[in-house]
C-alpha cells in the first residue's frame, strides 16, 4: 500500500506541474484544461498522502 501512496503522490505532482507549465507556456491543447489537470493532481496527491499515513492492518 505504501508504494501505491508514493505512486499516487508522484502522479499528482506531475499533473500539477504539467498544468502549471502548460498554463504558463500555453502549450496545452483545448481538451486539456489546466484547471482540470491541477484539480486531478491535487486529488492524486491528497489520496497518496492519506494512503501513506494509514496504519497497516495487523493480521494475526
Protein backbone atom coordinates (compact mmCIF):
# COMPACT_ATOMS: atom_id res chain seq x y z
CA UNK A 1 0.00 0.00 0.00
CA UNK A 2 2.86 2.36 0.71
CA UNK A 3 4.22 2.02 -2.82
CA UNK A 4 0.75 2.86 -4.12
CA UNK A 5 0.80 6.01 -1.98
CA UNK A 6 4.17 7.03 -3.39
CA UNK A 7 2.98 6.44 -6.95
CA UNK A 8 -0.17 8.49 -6.38
CA UNK A 9 1.87 11.36 -4.93
CA UNK A 10 4.27 11.33 -7.89
CA UNK A 11 1.42 11.29 -10.42
CA UNK A 12 -0.29 14.13 -8.58
CA UNK A 13 2.82 16.28 -8.51
CA UNK A 14 3.43 15.55 -12.20
CA UNK A 15 -0.13 16.62 -13.08
CA UNK A 16 0.16 19.83 -11.07
CA UNK A 17 3.49 20.67 -12.74
CA UNK A 18 2.07 19.86 -16.18
CA UNK A 19 -0.86 22.18 -15.50
CA UNK A 20 1.43 24.98 -14.35
CA UNK A 21 3.86 24.64 -17.25
CA UNK A 22 1.04 24.26 -19.75
CA UNK A 23 -0.70 27.35 -18.42
CA UNK A 24 2.46 29.45 -18.49
CA UNK A 25 3.64 28.37 -21.94
CA UNK A 26 0.14 27.93 -23.38
CA UNK A 27 1.08 24.62 -24.99
CA UNK A 28 -1.84 22.52 -23.78
CA UNK A 29 -4.48 21.61 -26.34
CA UNK A 30 -8.06 22.71 -25.81
CA UNK A 31 -9.04 19.28 -24.48
CA UNK A 32 -6.65 19.51 -21.51
CA UNK A 33 -7.67 22.43 -19.39
CA UNK A 34 -5.07 23.36 -16.78
CA UNK A 35 -7.71 23.68 -14.06
CA UNK A 36 -8.78 20.07 -14.57
CA UNK A 37 -5.19 18.87 -14.54
CA UNK A 38 -4.43 20.82 -11.37
CA UNK A 39 -7.52 19.54 -9.58
CA UNK A 40 -6.79 15.95 -10.62
CA UNK A 41 -3.22 16.39 -9.41
CA UNK A 42 -4.46 17.68 -6.07
CA UNK A 43 -6.77 14.68 -5.67
CA UNK A 44 -3.98 12.23 -6.53
CA UNK A 45 -1.53 13.91 -4.16
CA UNK A 46 -4.01 14.02 -1.28
CA UNK A 47 -5.05 10.40 -1.77
CA UNK A 48 -1.41 9.33 -1.85
CA UNK A 49 -0.73 11.13 1.41
CA UNK A 50 -3.79 9.53 3.01
CA UNK A 51 -2.71 6.08 1.82
CA UNK A 52 0.80 6.56 3.20
CA UNK A 53 -0.46 7.71 6.61
CA UNK A 54 -2.74 4.71 7.14
CA UNK A 55 -1.54 2.15 9.60
CA UNK A 56 -1.11 -1.33 8.16
CA UNK A 57 -3.70 -3.92 9.09
CA UNK A 58 -2.47 -6.11 11.93
CA UNK A 59 -3.25 -9.60 10.71
CA UNK A 60 -2.85 -12.40 13.21
